[in-house]
Amino acid sequence: MIFKGLILRLMEFAIFVGRKYSSVNKPINLNNKGEIVELKAHRYRIYVLGGFGVNIGQSSIDFKHKETSEITKCKKSFWPVQTYAFEKRAKRIFIADIPKKGLYEVVLNKPETIRVQSSNLSIISLFKKPLNNSKVEILITEKLDSFPILNKNLKFG
């Protein structure tokens, strides 16, 4: 009986280790399709990594619950806060209110319309080309305080 319980626990651990979904604080490339994240019922902020000059165009982000196929649409951020995350420039673009805990598929609608410049100053954007979309990532993180430091290993200076 004890041996059977031990084997069941080892199997559960193997399934846990072998999961193929991202953690919430790991950047997701714009070109990745079908990315799955585990979310709890909470408010999340979605940042674009790569620059401060972000034009989202007609793009949007939805979360599709894997079990119920319920779709949660993201709202455009009222205050597009700029910060640094994973040693890159980040700008908040969307906010998502997730109603219940579970596995969600991140659905990126028209990601090719997102344009990211390194700076949000128009004079600098005249001389620099926008970032290639293959290098642009999004970051999904829980709502933090008014000054969101998204990476504990962030180096200043």
Protein backbone atom coordinates (compact mmCIF):
# COMPACT_ATOMS: atom_id res chain seq x y z
CA MET A 1 0.00 0.00 0.00
CA ILE A 2 2.79 2.44 0.91
CA PHE A 3 4.73 1.39 -2.19
CA LYS A 4 1.68 2.07 -4.40
CA GLY A 5 1.29 5.56 -2.90
CA LEU A 6 4.97 6.29 -3.46
CA ILE A 7 4.73 5.28 -7.13
CA LEU A 8 1.65 7.49 -7.60
CA ARG A 9 3.49 10.45 -6.10
CA LEU A 10 6.49 9.85 -8.36
CA MET A 11 4.19 9.72 -11.38
CA GLU A 12 2.53 12.99 -10.36
CA PHE A 13 5.97 14.59 -9.95
CA ALA A 14 7.04 13.36 -13.41
CA ILE A 15 3.89 14.86 -14.94
CA PHE A 16 4.54 18.13 -13.07
CA VAL A 17 8.15 18.33 -14.30
CA GLY A 18 7.18 17.43 -17.88
CA ARG A 19 4.57 20.18 -18.29
CA LYS A 20 4.81 22.07 -21.55
CA TYR A 21 3.40 25.41 -20.48
CA SER A 22 5.12 28.61 -19.50
CA SER A 23 5.28 30.23 -16.16
CA VAL A 24 3.70 33.65 -15.92
CA ASN A 25 6.95 35.60 -15.55
CA LYS A 26 8.64 34.19 -18.65
CA PRO A 27 8.64 36.28 -21.85
CA ILE A 28 6.72 34.92 -24.85
CA ASN A 29 7.84 35.67 -28.41
CA LEU A 30 5.26 37.35 -30.63
CA ASN A 31 5.65 34.64 -33.27
CA ASN A 32 4.89 31.75 -30.87
CA LYS A 33 1.47 30.27 -31.47
CA GLY A 34 -0.43 28.14 -28.97
CA GLU A 35 1.60 29.18 -25.93
CA ILE A 36 -0.03 27.88 -22.74
CA VAL A 37 0.28 29.56 -19.34
CA GLU A 38 -1.07 28.66 -15.92
CA LEU A 39 -2.99 31.59 -14.43
CA LYS A 40 -4.93 32.09 -11.24
CA ALA A 41 -7.96 34.33 -10.84
CA HIS A 42 -6.22 37.67 -10.77
CA ARG A 43 -5.55 40.89 -12.70
CA TYR A 44 -2.55 40.64 -15.02
CA ARG A 45 -0.53 43.26 -16.83
CA ILE A 46 0.90 42.55 -20.26
CA TYR A 47 4.10 44.28 -21.32
CA VAL A 48 5.89 44.46 -24.67
CA LEU A 49 9.63 43.91 -24.29
CA GLY A 50 12.11 45.57 -26.62
CA GLY A 51 11.46 49.31 -26.51
CA PHE A 52 9.42 52.20 -25.21
CA GLY A 53 7.96 53.36 -28.53
CA VAL A 54 5.15 50.83 -28.95
CA ASN A 55 2.35 51.07 -31.50
CA ILE A 56 -0.01 48.11 -31.14
CA GLY A 57 -1.95 48.84 -34.34
CA GLN A 58 -4.86 46.40 -34.70
CA SER A 59 -3.32 43.67 -32.53
CA SER A 60 -4.99 42.24 -29.45
CA ILE A 61 -4.42 39.46 -26.95
CA ASP A 62 -7.00 36.95 -25.73
CA PHE A 63 -6.78 34.14 -23.19
CA LYS A 64 -8.66 30.93 -23.99
CA HIS A 65 -9.35 28.60 -21.05
CA LYS A 66 -8.26 25.09 -22.02
CA GLU A 67 -11.08 23.22 -20.25
CA THR A 68 -14.09 25.45 -20.84
CA SER A 69 -12.94 27.26 -24.04
CA GLU A 70 -14.04 30.50 -22.39
CA ILE A 71 -12.27 33.50 -23.97
CA THR A 72 -11.07 36.43 -21.86
CA LYS A 73 -10.28 39.56 -23.85
CA CYS A 74 -7.60 42.00 -22.74
CA LYS A 75 -8.28 45.70 -22.36
CA LYS A 76 -5.89 48.36 -23.60
CA SER A 77 -3.92 49.85 -20.74
CA PHE A 78 -5.07 53.30 -19.66
CA TRP A 79 -1.61 54.18 -18.29
CA PRO A 80 1.07 52.67 -20.56
CA VAL A 81 3.81 52.51 -17.92
CA GLN A 82 7.42 52.18 -19.03
CA THR A 83 9.85 50.05 -17.05
CA TYR A 84 12.66 47.53 -17.46
CA ALA A 85 12.21 43.76 -17.36
CA PHE A 86 14.74 41.04 -18.10
CA GLU A 87 17.28 43.78 -18.90
CA LYS A 88 15.07 45.09 -21.73
CA ARG A 89 12.83 48.09 -22.13
CA ALA A 90 9.20 47.24 -21.41
CA LYS A 91 5.93 49.07 -21.92
CA ARG A 92 2.57 47.99 -20.51
CA ILE A 93 0.00 47.68 -23.28
CA PHE A 94 -2.84 45.47 -22.04
CA ILE A 95 -4.58 44.47 -18.82
CA ALA A 96 -6.39 41.15 -18.38
CA ASP A 97 -8.83 40.18 -15.63
CA ILE A 98 -8.75 36.38 -15.40
CA PRO A 99 -12.01 35.08 -13.85
CA LYS A 100 -10.86 31.61 -12.73
CA LYS A 101 -7.74 29.56 -12.20
CA GLY A 102 -6.55 27.20 -14.91
CA LEU A 103 -4.49 26.66 -18.02
CA TYR A 104 -4.95 29.33 -20.67
CA GLU A 105 -3.83 29.52 -24.27
CA VAL A 106 -2.39 32.91 -25.22
CA VAL A 107 -4.02 33.97 -28.49
CA LEU A 108 -2.15 36.78 -30.25
CA ASN A 109 -4.39 38.42 -32.84
CA LYS A 110 -2.57 40.22 -35.68
CA PRO A 111 0.85 40.34 -33.95
CA GLU A 112 2.44 41.57 -37.19
CA THR A 113 0.81 45.00 -36.66
CA ILE A 114 2.83 45.71 -33.50
CA ARG A 115 5.67 48.16 -34.13
CA VAL A 116 8.33 48.64 -31.46
CA GLN A 117 10.92 51.44 -31.45
CA SER A 118 13.72 51.57 -28.90
CA SER A 119 12.64 55.08 -27.85
CA ASN A 120 9.27 56.78 -27.73
CA LEU A 121 10.78 60.10 -28.81
CA SER A 122 9.67 60.87 -32.36
CA ILE A 123 12.96 62.53 -33.35
CA ILE A 124 14.93 59.38 -32.52
CA SER A 125 12.43 57.13 -34.30
CA LEU A 126 13.12 59.08 -37.52
CA PHE A 127 16.68 57.75 -37.59
CA LYS A 128 16.20 54.24 -36.19
CA LYS A 129 14.23 51.42 -37.75
CA PRO A 130 11.64 49.55 -35.66
CA LEU A 131 12.62 46.27 -34.04
CA ASN A 132 12.11 43.12 -36.06
CA ASN A 133 8.95 41.37 -34.81
CA SER A 134 10.89 38.13 -34.37
CA LYS A 135 12.77 39.83 -31.49
CA VAL A 136 9.72 41.35 -29.79
CA GLU A 137 8.35 39.54 -26.73
CA ILE A 138 5.42 39.99 -24.39
CA LEU A 139 5.51 39.50 -20.65
CA ILE A 140 2.47 38.53 -18.57
CA THR A 141 2.81 39.47 -14.92
CA GLU A 142 0.55 39.93 -11.93
CA LYS A 143 -0.49 43.41 -10.92
CA LEU A 144 2.32 44.88 -8.89
CA ASP A 145 2.80 48.14 -7.00
CA SER A 146 2.98 51.50 -8.72
CA PHE A 147 6.65 50.92 -9.65
CA PRO A 148 6.79 47.45 -11.18
CA ILE A 149 10.26 45.93 -11.00
CA LEU A 150 9.58 42.78 -12.94
CA ASN A 151 12.88 41.00 -12.52
CA LYS A 152 14.59 40.43 -9.20
CA ASN A 153 17.98 40.27 -10.97
CA LEU A 154 17.53 43.70 -12.53
CA LYS A 155 20.78 45.64 -12.66
CA PHE A 156 20.72 49.41 -12.43
CA GLY A 157 23.53 51.70 -13.56
